[in-house]
Amino acid sequence: MKPPSKIIPSLLVILALFVGSVFANPEHDKAIKDFKFNGLPFGTDTKTFKAKFPKAELSADQSDPKIGLLMYTMRDVSGIDLAAFYFQDDKLFRCTYIYSAKTTEKIGGWITVVEKVVDKFGKADEDCMGIDTVEKGHLANFFWKFPNVNRFIEADIREDMMKVIFTDTEGRDRMIERQKENAELGF
């Protein structure tokens, strides 16, 4: 990773280039609605997922079967250091891709990843956070919201890694509702 003194000017340029309007774009809505990881769309069941990716490992500490939440991980897949796949009630609703600093440097830096997201899904929303609004070691967060098709993307950029999170918000909302229903508060 570049030292912070070199990151700040480039981050300001990136924010100017990649942050856009909050108005919906049907082309971008379609791109995120049709999003697939290696052919698997949101809503895929765990049986289909495990048949395609038999080496995926269940993450017991991130799963909560009591509320229907399962999380699987895979390493070194499709240029991603670690991929995490979240299922709520046996339906894929979130894909998280984690890239190490070493991996992002090999492909031209985290800017390359953000450029790919922008090329496919449009400019990020205006409520992104830059170097002045996040904690030390955390460089930026970019957000893409697609309320017309219940999707959300977040790019979380840190000095030591970057993650891109693709979420079907209906699945996320089901997970949150189940968490609330099953919350143990001691009273």
Protein backbone atom coordinates (compact mmCIF):
# COMPACT_ATOMS: atom_id res chain seq x y z
CA MET A 1 0.00 0.00 0.00
CA LYS A 2 1.08 3.55 -0.61
CA PRO A 3 2.01 5.65 2.40
CA PRO A 4 -0.87 7.92 3.59
CA SER A 5 0.80 11.06 2.21
CA LYS A 6 0.52 9.60 -1.30
CA ILE A 7 -2.96 8.19 -0.75
CA ILE A 8 -4.72 11.43 0.25
CA PRO A 9 -4.28 13.31 -3.06
CA SER A 10 -5.21 10.24 -5.09
CA LEU A 11 -8.23 9.62 -2.84
CA LEU A 12 -9.51 13.14 -3.48
CA VAL A 13 -9.21 12.60 -7.23
CA ILE A 14 -10.97 9.25 -6.94
CA LEU A 15 -13.82 10.72 -4.92
CA ALA A 16 -14.31 13.36 -7.61
CA LEU A 17 -14.25 10.79 -10.41
CA PHE A 18 -16.25 7.98 -8.85
CA VAL A 19 -18.90 9.69 -6.72
CA GLY A 20 -22.00 10.61 -8.63
CA SER A 21 -25.64 11.36 -8.36
CA VAL A 22 -28.26 9.50 -6.35
CA PHE A 23 -30.63 9.26 -9.34
CA ALA A 24 -31.48 5.73 -10.48
CA ASN A 25 -30.12 4.50 -13.78
CA PRO A 26 -32.06 1.59 -15.35
CA GLU A 27 -28.86 0.19 -16.91
CA HIS A 28 -27.11 0.06 -13.54
CA ASP A 29 -30.23 -1.31 -11.83
CA LYS A 30 -30.29 -4.15 -14.37
CA ALA A 31 -26.56 -4.83 -13.91
CA ILE A 32 -26.88 -5.25 -10.14
CA LYS A 33 -30.19 -7.14 -10.37
CA ASP A 34 -28.49 -9.61 -12.74
CA PHE A 35 -25.32 -9.83 -10.59
CA LYS A 36 -23.88 -13.35 -10.34
CA PHE A 37 -20.78 -14.85 -8.79
CA ASN A 38 -19.43 -17.48 -11.21
CA GLY A 39 -22.95 -17.99 -12.54
CA LEU A 40 -24.74 -18.03 -9.18
CA PRO A 41 -27.30 -15.23 -8.62
CA PHE A 42 -28.75 -13.93 -5.38
CA GLY A 43 -31.38 -16.37 -4.14
CA THR A 44 -29.25 -19.44 -4.95
CA ASP A 45 -29.76 -22.21 -2.36
CA THR A 46 -26.92 -23.79 -0.38
CA LYS A 47 -27.24 -27.16 -2.17
CA THR A 48 -26.61 -25.53 -5.57
CA PHE A 49 -23.82 -23.40 -4.09
CA LYS A 50 -22.05 -26.38 -2.49
CA ALA A 51 -22.39 -28.42 -5.70
CA LYS A 52 -20.62 -25.65 -7.62
CA PHE A 53 -18.08 -24.92 -4.84
CA PRO A 54 -17.48 -28.14 -2.88
CA LYS A 55 -14.38 -26.65 -1.21
CA ALA A 56 -16.41 -23.84 0.39
CA GLU A 57 -16.19 -24.07 4.18
CA LEU A 58 -18.99 -23.31 6.61
CA SER A 59 -17.92 -20.57 9.02
CA ALA A 60 -19.48 -21.67 12.30
CA ASP A 61 -18.54 -18.47 14.16
CA GLN A 62 -20.24 -16.28 11.53
CA SER A 63 -23.29 -18.52 11.09
CA ASP A 64 -26.39 -18.59 13.27
CA PRO A 65 -28.56 -21.58 12.28
CA LYS A 66 -31.11 -20.59 14.97
CA ILE A 67 -32.12 -17.65 12.77
CA GLY A 68 -31.42 -19.36 9.42
CA LEU A 69 -28.08 -17.59 8.76
CA LEU A 70 -25.21 -19.55 7.22
CA MET A 71 -21.89 -18.17 5.99
CA TYR A 72 -19.45 -20.03 3.76
CA THR A 73 -15.93 -18.95 2.81
CA MET A 74 -13.51 -19.77 0.01
CA ARG A 75 -9.89 -18.72 -0.44
CA ASP A 76 -8.13 -17.75 -3.66
CA VAL A 77 -11.11 -17.88 -5.98
CA SER A 78 -11.51 -15.75 -9.12
CA GLY A 79 -8.69 -13.37 -8.11
CA ILE A 80 -10.20 -12.85 -4.65
CA ASP A 81 -8.14 -13.65 -1.54
CA LEU A 82 -11.20 -14.54 0.52
CA ALA A 83 -14.83 -14.70 -0.53
CA ALA A 84 -17.67 -14.99 1.98
CA PHE A 85 -21.19 -16.01 1.01
CA TYR A 86 -24.14 -15.39 3.32
CA PHE A 87 -27.40 -17.33 3.15
CA GLN A 88 -30.59 -16.40 4.97
CA ASP A 89 -33.28 -19.08 5.03
CA ASP A 90 -31.23 -21.04 2.45
CA LYS A 91 -31.03 -18.15 -0.05
CA LEU A 92 -27.81 -16.35 -1.01
CA PHE A 93 -28.15 -12.69 -0.07
CA ARG A 94 -24.61 -11.34 0.37
CA CYS A 95 -21.23 -11.86 -1.29
CA THR A 96 -18.17 -10.29 0.33
CA TYR A 97 -14.88 -10.22 -1.58
CA ILE A 98 -11.72 -9.47 0.38
CA TYR A 99 -8.53 -8.43 -1.38
CA SER A 100 -5.22 -8.11 0.49
CA ALA A 101 -2.97 -5.10 -0.07
CA LYS A 102 -0.59 -7.43 -1.93
CA THR A 103 -3.35 -8.57 -4.30
CA THR A 104 -4.63 -5.06 -4.99
CA GLU A 105 -1.08 -3.85 -5.69
CA LYS A 106 -0.67 -6.63 -8.29
CA ILE A 107 -3.69 -5.34 -10.20
CA GLY A 108 -2.90 -1.64 -9.97
CA GLY A 109 -4.18 -0.78 -6.49
CA TRP A 110 -7.62 -0.53 -4.96
CA ILE A 111 -8.45 2.11 -7.55
CA THR A 112 -8.62 -0.67 -10.14
CA VAL A 113 -11.28 -2.51 -8.12
CA VAL A 114 -13.35 0.66 -7.64
CA GLU A 115 -13.01 1.47 -11.37
CA LYS A 116 -14.42 -1.99 -12.23
CA VAL A 117 -17.37 -1.46 -9.90
CA VAL A 118 -18.01 2.01 -11.38
CA ASP A 119 -17.74 0.69 -14.95
CA LYS A 120 -20.35 -1.96 -14.27
CA PHE A 121 -22.67 -0.32 -11.71
CA GLY A 122 -22.18 3.44 -12.12
CA LYS A 123 -20.77 6.12 -9.84
CA ALA A 124 -21.01 5.70 -6.10
CA ASP A 125 -23.58 7.58 -4.05
CA GLU A 126 -22.76 11.00 -2.64
CA ASP A 127 -22.73 9.80 0.98
CA CYS A 128 -19.33 8.11 0.62
CA MET A 129 -16.68 8.64 3.29
CA GLY A 130 -13.11 9.68 2.62
CA ILE A 131 -9.88 9.95 4.53
CA ASP A 132 -11.22 12.79 6.71
CA THR A 133 -14.32 10.90 7.89
CA VAL A 134 -13.02 7.45 8.81
CA GLU A 135 -10.71 6.09 11.51
CA LYS A 136 -6.95 5.64 11.21
CA GLY A 137 -5.96 2.92 8.75
CA HIS A 138 -9.36 3.14 7.08
CA LEU A 139 -9.06 5.05 3.83
CA ALA A 140 -12.56 5.25 2.40
CA ASN A 141 -16.00 3.74 1.99
CA PHE A 142 -17.94 3.93 -1.25
CA PHE A 143 -21.64 3.05 -1.37
CA TRP A 144 -23.95 2.20 -4.25
CA LYS A 145 -27.67 1.95 -3.44
CA PHE A 146 -30.21 0.46 -5.85
CA PRO A 147 -33.56 0.79 -4.04
CA ASN A 148 -35.58 -0.03 -7.18
CA VAL A 149 -34.09 -3.55 -7.24
CA ASN A 150 -33.27 -4.04 -3.52
CA ARG A 151 -29.51 -4.13 -3.89
CA PHE A 152 -26.54 -2.44 -2.23
CA ILE A 153 -22.78 -2.40 -2.82
CA GLU A 154 -20.10 -1.21 -0.42
CA ALA A 155 -16.38 -0.86 -1.10
CA ASP A 156 -14.49 -0.67 2.20
CA ILE A 157 -10.88 0.41 1.66
CA ARG A 158 -8.24 0.06 4.36
CA GLU A 159 -4.46 0.28 4.36
CA ASP A 160 -4.03 -3.50 4.68
CA MET A 161 -7.01 -4.76 2.67
CA MET A 162 -10.11 -3.96 0.70
CA LYS A 163 -13.51 -5.59 0.65
CA VAL A 164 -16.39 -5.25 -1.75
CA ILE A 165 -19.77 -6.33 -0.44
CA PHE A 166 -22.71 -7.08 -2.73
CA THR A 167 -26.03 -7.36 -0.86
CA ASP A 168 -29.61 -8.27 -1.70
CA THR A 169 -31.34 -5.99 0.81
CA GLU A 170 -34.47 -8.15 1.05
CA GLY A 171 -32.32 -11.02 2.36
CA ARG A 172 -30.47 -8.65 4.69
CA ASP A 173 -33.78 -7.33 6.00
CA ARG A 174 -35.01 -10.91 6.64
CA MET A 175 -31.81 -11.59 8.58
CA ILE A 176 -32.23 -8.44 10.68
CA GLU A 177 -35.86 -9.28 11.41
CA ARG A 178 -34.92 -12.81 12.52
CA GLN A 179 -32.13 -11.38 14.71
CA LYS A 180 -34.64 -9.06 16.39
CA GLU A 181 -37.17 -11.87 16.89
CA ASN A 182 -34.52 -14.06 18.53
CA ALA A 183 -32.65 -11.38 20.50
CA GLU A 184 -31.83 -12.51 24.02
CA LEU A 185 -31.71 -9.40 26.17
CA GLY A 186 -31.81 -10.89 29.65
CA PHE A 187 -35.27 -9.54 30.41
